[in-house]
Amino acid sequence: MAMAASEIEALIKAALPDAEVTMQDLAGDNDHWGAVVVSEVFRGLSRVKQHQIVYAALRGRMGGELHALALQTSAPT
């Protein structure tokens, strides 16, 4: 079962309340998503750590309900 963009966004925002999240359906199948996540929490952190924070927010759904997520993360400019 695929995850809706709104569900992915809600999980991310629950963990990162200040986050600006932009979702894009990369394959038109609600199963391969792209997400741009901007949060002050990411400031000073490596890209790997930023992505780990987002994956943790998804509570184990990566690889199951959510097949693929291409992430772009950054702190606000």
PDB file of N, CA and C in Angstrom:
ATOM      1  N   MET A   1       0.843  -1.180   0.000  1.00  0.00           N
ATOM      2  CA  MET A   1       0.000   0.000   0.000  1.00  0.00           C
ATOM      3  C   MET A   1       0.890   1.247   0.000  1.00  0.00           C
ATOM      4  N   ALA A   2       0.597   2.164  -0.875  1.00  0.00           N
ATOM      5  CA  ALA A   2       1.383   3.388  -1.006  1.00  0.00           C
ATOM      6  C   ALA A   2       0.959   4.419   0.045  1.00  0.00           C
ATOM      7  N   MET A   3       1.866   5.351   0.308  1.00  0.00           N
ATOM      8  CA  MET A   3       1.577   6.438   1.250  1.00  0.00           C
ATOM      9  C   MET A   3       1.243   7.709   0.487  1.00  0.00           C
ATOM     10  N   ALA A   4       0.263   8.443   0.962  1.00  0.00           N
ATOM     11  CA  ALA A   4      -0.094   9.732   0.377  1.00  0.00           C
ATOM     12  C   ALA A   4       0.917  10.786   0.796  1.00  0.00           C
ATOM     13  N   ALA A   5       1.104  11.781  -0.057  1.00  0.00           N
ATOM     14  CA  ALA A   5       2.023  12.874   0.243  1.00  0.00           C
ATOM     15  C   ALA A   5       1.652  13.551   1.551  1.00  0.00           C
ATOM     16  N   SER A   6       0.372  13.719   1.795  1.00  0.00           N
ATOM     17  CA  SER A   6      -0.066  14.397   3.019  1.00  0.00           C
ATOM     18  C   SER A   6       0.323  13.611   4.264  1.00  0.00           C
ATOM     19  N   GLU A   7       0.322  12.298   4.170  1.00  0.00           N
ATOM     20  CA  GLU A   7       0.709  11.453   5.302  1.00  0.00           C
ATOM     21  C   GLU A   7       2.211  11.557   5.571  1.00  0.00           C
ATOM     22  N   ILE A   8       3.005  11.554   4.512  1.00  0.00           N
ATOM     23  CA  ILE A   8       4.454  11.699   4.659  1.00  0.00           C
ATOM     24  C   ILE A   8       4.771  13.064   5.261  1.00  0.00           C
ATOM     25  N   GLU A   9       4.137  14.086   4.719  1.00  0.00           N
ATOM     26  CA  GLU A   9       4.354  15.447   5.213  1.00  0.00           C
ATOM     27  C   GLU A   9       3.955  15.574   6.679  1.00  0.00           C
ATOM     28  N   ALA A  10       2.840  14.966   7.062  1.00  0.00           N
ATOM     29  CA  ALA A  10       2.381  15.044   8.453  1.00  0.00           C
ATOM     30  C   ALA A  10       3.379  14.382   9.405  1.00  0.00           C
ATOM     31  N   LEU A  11       3.936  13.250   9.010  1.00  0.00           N
ATOM     32  CA  LEU A  11       4.926  12.571   9.858  1.00  0.00           C
ATOM     33  C   LEU A  11       6.177  13.433  10.030  1.00  0.00           C
ATOM     34  N   ILE A  12       6.628  14.035   8.938  1.00  0.00           N
ATOM     35  CA  ILE A  12       7.822  14.880   9.004  1.00  0.00           C
ATOM     36  C   ILE A  12       7.550  16.094   9.886  1.00  0.00           C
ATOM     37  N   LYS A  13       6.405  16.724   9.697  1.00  0.00           N
ATOM     38  CA  LYS A  13       6.082  17.920  10.480  1.00  0.00           C
ATOM     39  C   LYS A  13       5.820  17.596  11.953  1.00  0.00           C
ATOM     40  N   ALA A  14       5.384  16.390  12.247  1.00  0.00           N
ATOM     41  CA  ALA A  14       5.199  15.999  13.647  1.00  0.00           C
ATOM     42  C   ALA A  14       6.550  15.955  14.359  1.00  0.00           C
ATOM     43  N   ALA A  15       7.587  15.516  13.650  1.00  0.00           N
ATOM     44  CA  ALA A  15       8.923  15.432  14.237  1.00  0.00           C
ATOM     45  C   ALA A  15       9.675  16.753  14.131  1.00  0.00           C
ATOM     46  N   LEU A  16       9.380  17.525  13.090  1.00  0.00           N
ATOM     47  CA  LEU A  16      10.066  18.796  12.840  1.00  0.00           C
ATOM     48  C   LEU A  16       9.004  19.868  12.616  1.00  0.00           C
ATOM     49  N   PRO A  17       8.414  20.388  13.684  1.00  0.00           N
ATOM     50  CA  PRO A  17       7.282  21.307  13.556  1.00  0.00           C
ATOM     51  C   PRO A  17       7.565  22.560  12.721  1.00  0.00           C
ATOM     52  N   ASP A  18       8.821  23.001  12.664  1.00  0.00           N
ATOM     53  CA  ASP A  18       9.134  24.205  11.894  1.00  0.00           C
ATOM     54  C   ASP A  18       9.404  23.912  10.419  1.00  0.00           C
ATOM     55  N   ALA A  19       9.361  22.650  10.032  1.00  0.00           N
ATOM     56  CA  ALA A  19       9.775  22.260   8.680  1.00  0.00           C
ATOM     57  C   ALA A  19       8.841  22.784   7.601  1.00  0.00           C
ATOM     58  N   GLU A  20       9.464  23.200   6.512  1.00  0.00           N
ATOM     59  CA  GLU A  20       8.750  23.459   5.264  1.00  0.00           C
ATOM     60  C   GLU A  20       8.980  22.217   4.418  1.00  0.00           C
ATOM     61  N   VAL A  21       7.901  21.554   4.016  1.00  0.00           N
ATOM     62  CA  VAL A  21       8.004  20.301   3.279  1.00  0.00           C
ATOM     63  C   VAL A  21       7.305  20.461   1.931  1.00  0.00           C
ATOM     64  N   THR A  22       8.027  20.138   0.871  1.00  0.00           N
ATOM     65  CA  THR A  22       7.454  20.150  -0.470  1.00  0.00           C
ATOM     66  C   THR A  22       7.577  18.739  -1.032  1.00  0.00           C
ATOM     67  N   MET A  23       6.450  18.162  -1.415  1.00  0.00           N
ATOM     68  CA  MET A  23       6.425  16.791  -1.917  1.00  0.00           C
ATOM     69  C   MET A  23       6.224  16.774  -3.432  1.00  0.00           C
ATOM     70  N   GLN A  24       6.846  15.789  -4.088  1.00  0.00           N
ATOM     71  CA  GLN A  24       6.661  15.592  -5.522  1.00  0.00           C
ATOM     72  C   GLN A  24       6.547  14.098  -5.799  1.00  0.00           C
ATOM     73  N   ASP A  25       5.504  13.710  -6.528  1.00  0.00           N
ATOM     74  CA  ASP A  25       5.314  12.320  -6.942  1.00  0.00           C
ATOM     75  C   ASP A  25       6.202  12.091  -8.160  1.00  0.00           C
ATOM     76  N   LEU A  26       7.290  11.363  -7.997  1.00  0.00           N
ATOM     77  CA  LEU A  26       8.295  11.226  -9.046  1.00  0.00           C
ATOM     78  C   LEU A  26       7.892  10.285 -10.172  1.00  0.00           C
ATOM     79  N   ALA A  27       7.001   9.326  -9.882  1.00  0.00           N
ATOM     80  CA  ALA A  27       6.647   8.333 -10.899  1.00  0.00           C
ATOM     81  C   ALA A  27       5.149   8.296 -11.189  1.00  0.00           C
ATOM     82  N   GLY A  28       4.369   9.139 -10.522  1.00  0.00           N
ATOM     83  CA  GLY A  28       2.933   9.141 -10.747  1.00  0.00           C
ATOM     84  C   GLY A  28       2.214   7.950 -10.140  1.00  0.00           C
ATOM     85  N   ASP A  29       2.873   7.290  -9.176  1.00  0.00           N
ATOM     86  CA  ASP A  29       2.278   6.076  -8.602  1.00  0.00           C
ATOM     87  C   ASP A  29       2.056   6.156  -7.090  1.00  0.00           C
ATOM     88  N   ASN A  30       2.244   7.336  -6.492  1.00  0.00           N
ATOM     89  CA  ASN A  30       2.127   7.503  -5.036  1.00  0.00           C
ATOM     90  C   ASN A  30       3.028   6.551  -4.263  1.00  0.00           C
ATOM     91  N   ASP A  31       4.115   6.113  -4.880  1.00  0.00           N
ATOM     92  CA  ASP A  31       5.014   5.161  -4.237  1.00  0.00           C
ATOM     93  C   ASP A  31       6.476   5.601  -4.327  1.00  0.00           C
ATOM     94  N   HIS A  32       6.773   6.531  -5.226  1.00  0.00           N
ATOM     95  CA  HIS A  32       8.131   7.041  -5.411  1.00  0.00           C
ATOM     96  C   HIS A  32       8.066   8.555  -5.263  1.00  0.00           C
ATOM     97  N   TRP A  33       8.508   9.027  -4.104  1.00  0.00           N
ATOM     98  CA  TRP A  33       8.348  10.439  -3.755  1.00  0.00           C
ATOM     99  C   TRP A  33       9.671  11.172  -3.719  1.00  0.00           C
ATOM    100  N   GLY A  34       9.595  12.451  -3.985  1.00  0.00           N
ATOM    101  CA  GLY A  34      10.692  13.370  -3.742  1.00  0.00           C
ATOM    102  C   GLY A  34      10.224  14.350  -2.675  1.00  0.00           C
ATOM    103  N   ALA A  35      11.088  14.694  -1.758  1.00  0.00           N
ATOM    104  CA  ALA A  35      10.723  15.641  -0.702  1.00  0.00           C
ATOM    105  C   ALA A  35      11.856  16.637  -0.498  1.00  0.00           C
ATOM    106  N   VAL A  36      11.476  17.896  -0.425  1.00  0.00           N
ATOM    107  CA  VAL A  36      12.410  18.944  -0.035  1.00  0.00           C
ATOM    108  C   VAL A  36      11.984  19.355   1.368  1.00  0.00           C
ATOM    109  N   VAL A  37      12.903  19.231   2.324  1.00  0.00           N
ATOM    110  CA  VAL A  37      12.597  19.527   3.719  1.00  0.00           C
ATOM    111  C   VAL A  37      13.581  20.586   4.213  1.00  0.00           C
ATOM    112  N   VAL A  38      13.030  21.712   4.658  1.00  0.00           N
ATOM    113  CA  VAL A  38      13.847  22.810   5.174  1.00  0.00           C
ATOM    114  C   VAL A  38      13.475  23.008   6.633  1.00  0.00           C
ATOM    115  N   SER A  39      14.474  22.908   7.519  1.00  0.00           N
ATOM    116  CA  SER A  39      14.231  23.052   8.950  1.00  0.00           C
ATOM    117  C   SER A  39      15.461  23.628   9.639  1.00  0.00           C
ATOM    118  N   GLU A  40      15.232  24.466  10.614  1.00  0.00           N
ATOM    119  CA  GLU A  40      16.324  25.023  11.415  1.00  0.00           C
ATOM    120  C   GLU A  40      17.073  23.910  12.151  1.00  0.00           C
ATOM    121  N   VAL A  41      16.418  22.821  12.444  1.00  0.00           N
ATOM    122  CA  VAL A  41      17.036  21.685  13.136  1.00  0.00           C
ATOM    123  C   VAL A  41      18.263  21.188  12.372  1.00  0.00           C
ATOM    124  N   PHE A  42      18.262  21.348  11.059  1.00  0.00           N
ATOM    125  CA  PHE A  42      19.356  20.837  10.230  1.00  0.00           C
ATOM    126  C   PHE A  42      20.613  21.704  10.262  1.00  0.00           C
ATOM    127  N   ARG A  43      20.514  22.917  10.778  1.00  0.00           N
ATOM    128  CA  ARG A  43      21.650  23.831  10.738  1.00  0.00           C
ATOM    129  C   ARG A  43      22.870  23.214  11.439  1.00  0.00           C
ATOM    130  N   GLY A  44      23.981  23.176  10.709  1.00  0.00           N
ATOM    131  CA  GLY A  44      25.236  22.665  11.241  1.00  0.00           C
ATOM    132  C   GLY A  44      25.383  21.160  11.196  1.00  0.00           C
ATOM    133  N   LEU A  45      24.363  20.460  10.726  1.00  0.00           N
ATOM    134  CA  LEU A  45      24.431  18.997  10.663  1.00  0.00           C
ATOM    135  C   LEU A  45      24.845  18.535   9.271  1.00  0.00           C
ATOM    136  N   SER A  46      25.505  17.384   9.219  1.00  0.00           N
ATOM    137  CA  SER A  46      25.867  16.809   7.919  1.00  0.00           C
ATOM    138  C   SER A  46      24.602  16.390   7.173  1.00  0.00           C
ATOM    139  N   ARG A  47      24.724  16.273   5.881  1.00  0.00           N
ATOM    140  CA  ARG A  47      23.586  15.837   5.052  1.00  0.00           C
ATOM    141  C   ARG A  47      23.100  14.455   5.506  1.00  0.00           C
ATOM    142  N   VAL A  48      24.028  13.578   5.846  1.00  0.00           N
ATOM    143  CA  VAL A  48      23.662  12.233   6.310  1.00  0.00           C
ATOM    144  C   VAL A  48      22.813  12.330   7.573  1.00  0.00           C
ATOM    145  N   LYS A  49      23.221  13.141   8.534  1.00  0.00           N
ATOM    146  CA  LYS A  49      22.471  13.298   9.783  1.00  0.00           C
ATOM    147  C   LYS A  49      21.091  13.905   9.507  1.00  0.00           C
ATOM    148  N   GLN A  50      21.025  14.882   8.609  1.00  0.00           N
ATOM    149  CA  GLN A  50      19.741  15.481   8.243  1.00  0.00           C
ATOM    150  C   GLN A  50      18.781  14.419   7.702  1.00  0.00           C
ATOM    151  N   HIS A  51      19.286  13.583   6.810  1.00  0.00           N
ATOM    152  CA  HIS A  51      18.451  12.528   6.227  1.00  0.00           C
ATOM    153  C   HIS A  51      18.041  11.506   7.284  1.00  0.00           C
ATOM    154  N   GLN A  52      18.943  11.184   8.200  1.00  0.00           N
ATOM    155  CA  GLN A  52      18.604  10.247   9.280  1.00  0.00           C
ATOM    156  C   GLN A  52      17.451  10.784  10.124  1.00  0.00           C
ATOM    157  N   ILE A  53      17.436  12.084  10.361  1.00  0.00           N
ATOM    158  CA  ILE A  53      16.361  12.701  11.139  1.00  0.00           C
ATOM    159  C   ILE A  53      15.027  12.539  10.408  1.00  0.00           C
ATOM    160  N   VAL A  54      15.030  12.768   9.100  1.00  0.00           N
ATOM    161  CA  VAL A  54      13.791  12.618   8.322  1.00  0.00           C
ATOM    162  C   VAL A  54      13.352  11.156   8.303  1.00  0.00           C
ATOM    163  N   TYR A  55      14.279  10.226   8.066  1.00  0.00           N
ATOM    164  CA  TYR A  55      13.911   8.806   8.057  1.00  0.00           C
ATOM    165  C   TYR A  55      13.357   8.375   9.412  1.00  0.00           C
ATOM    166  N   ALA A  56      13.924   8.870  10.497  1.00  0.00           N
ATOM    167  CA  ALA A  56      13.412   8.547  11.832  1.00  0.00           C
ATOM    168  C   ALA A  56      11.985   9.061  11.992  1.00  0.00           C
ATOM    169  N   ALA A  57      11.698  10.218  11.413  1.00  0.00           N
ATOM    170  CA  ALA A  57      10.350  10.795  11.492  1.00  0.00           C
ATOM    171  C   ALA A  57       9.324   9.909  10.791  1.00  0.00           C
ATOM    172  N   LEU A  58       9.775   9.115   9.826  1.00  0.00           N
ATOM    173  CA  LEU A  58       8.855   8.254   9.076  1.00  0.00           C
ATOM    174  C   LEU A  58       8.525   6.960   9.811  1.00  0.00           C
ATOM    175  N   ARG A  59       9.117   6.776  10.978  1.00  0.00           N
ATOM    176  CA  ARG A  59       8.784   5.677  11.893  1.00  0.00           C
ATOM    177  C   ARG A  59       8.772   4.289  11.242  1.00  0.00           C
ATOM    178  N   GLY A  60       9.824   3.975  10.517  1.00  0.00           N
ATOM    179  CA  GLY A  60       9.980   2.634   9.971  1.00  0.00           C
ATOM    180  C   GLY A  60       9.170   2.336   8.721  1.00  0.00           C
ATOM    181  N   ARG A  61       8.545   3.327   8.135  1.00  0.00           N
ATOM    182  CA  ARG A  61       7.724   3.072   6.946  1.00  0.00           C
ATOM    183  C   ARG A  61       8.544   2.987   5.654  1.00  0.00           C
ATOM    184  N   MET A  62       9.789   3.490   5.677  1.00  0.00           N
ATOM    185  CA  MET A  62      10.644   3.382   4.486  1.00  0.00           C
ATOM    186  C   MET A  62      10.876   1.913   4.160  1.00  0.00           C
ATOM    187  N   GLY A  63      10.737   1.583   2.890  1.00  0.00           N
ATOM    188  CA  GLY A  63      10.951   0.209   2.456  1.00  0.00           C
ATOM    189  C   GLY A  63       9.716  -0.662   2.598  1.00  0.00           C
ATOM    190  N   GLY A  64       8.697  -0.147   3.263  1.00  0.00           N
ATOM    191  CA  GLY A  64       7.437  -0.881   3.399  1.00  0.00           C
ATOM    192  C   GLY A  64       6.344  -0.113   2.686  1.00  0.00           C
ATOM    193  N   GLU A  65       5.578   0.652   3.465  1.00  0.00           N
ATOM    194  CA  GLU A  65       4.519   1.479   2.887  1.00  0.00           C
ATOM    195  C   GLU A  65       5.086   2.521   1.931  1.00  0.00           C
ATOM    196  N   LEU A  66       6.269   2.990   2.226  1.00  0.00           N
ATOM    197  CA  LEU A  66       6.917   4.012   1.404  1.00  0.00           C
ATOM    198  C   LEU A  66       8.108   3.365   0.710  1.00  0.00           C
ATOM    199  N   HIS A  67       7.969   3.160  -0.590  1.00  0.00           N
ATOM    200  CA  HIS A  67       8.983   2.415  -1.340  1.00  0.00           C
ATOM    201  C   HIS A  67      10.249   3.237  -1.567  1.00  0.00           C
ATOM    202  N   ALA A  68      10.090   4.503  -1.985  1.00  0.00           N
ATOM    203  CA  ALA A  68      11.267   5.313  -2.312  1.00  0.00           C
ATOM    204  C   ALA A  68      11.018   6.772  -1.971  1.00  0.00           C
ATOM    205  N   LEU A  69      12.039   7.412  -1.409  1.00  0.00           N
ATOM    206  CA  LEU A  69      11.958   8.823  -1.070  1.00  0.00           C
ATOM    207  C   LEU A  69      13.290   9.490  -1.400  1.00  0.00           C
ATOM    208  N   ALA A  70      13.277  10.351  -2.400  1.00  0.00           N
ATOM    209  CA  ALA A  70      14.462  11.129  -2.753  1.00  0.00           C
ATOM    210  C   ALA A  70      14.421  12.406  -1.918  1.00  0.00           C
ATOM    211  N   LEU A  71      15.414  12.586  -1.061  1.00  0.00           N
ATOM    212  CA  LEU A  71      15.409  13.706  -0.122  1.00  0.00           C
ATOM    213  C   LEU A  71      16.375  14.814  -0.513  1.00  0.00           C
ATOM    214  N   GLN A  72      15.921  16.038  -0.316  1.00  0.00           N
ATOM    215  CA  GLN A  72      16.782  17.213  -0.330  1.00  0.00           C
ATOM    216  C   GLN A  72      16.494  17.925   0.982  1.00  0.00           C
ATOM    217  N   THR A  73      17.508  18.100   1.800  1.00  0.00           N
ATOM    218  CA  THR A  73      17.326  18.730   3.105  1.00  0.00           C
ATOM    219  C   THR A  73      18.263  19.915   3.244  1.00  0.00           C
ATOM    220  N   SER A  74      17.831  20.910   4.016  1.00  0.00           N
ATOM    221  CA  SER A  74      18.681  22.064   4.288  1.00  0.00           C
ATOM    222  C   SER A  74      18.098  22.866   5.426  1.00  0.00           C
ATOM    223  N   ALA A  75      18.937  23.737   5.982  1.00  0.00           N
ATOM    224  CA  ALA A  75      18.490  24.729   6.945  1.00  0.00           C
ATOM    225  C   ALA A  75      17.988  25.933   6.149  1.00  0.00           C
ATOM    226  N   PRO A  76      17.136  26.748   6.741  1.00  0.00           N
ATOM    227  CA  PRO A  76      16.661  27.949   6.042  1.00  0.00           C
ATOM    228  C   PRO A  76      17.823  28.890   5.728  1.00  0.00           C
ATOM    229  N   THR A  77      17.687  29.620   4.631  1.00  0.00           N
ATOM    230  CA  THR A  77      18.732  30.564   4.261  1.00  0.00           C
ATOM    231  C   THR A  77      18.406  31.937   4.792  1.00  0.00           C
TER     232      THR A  77
END
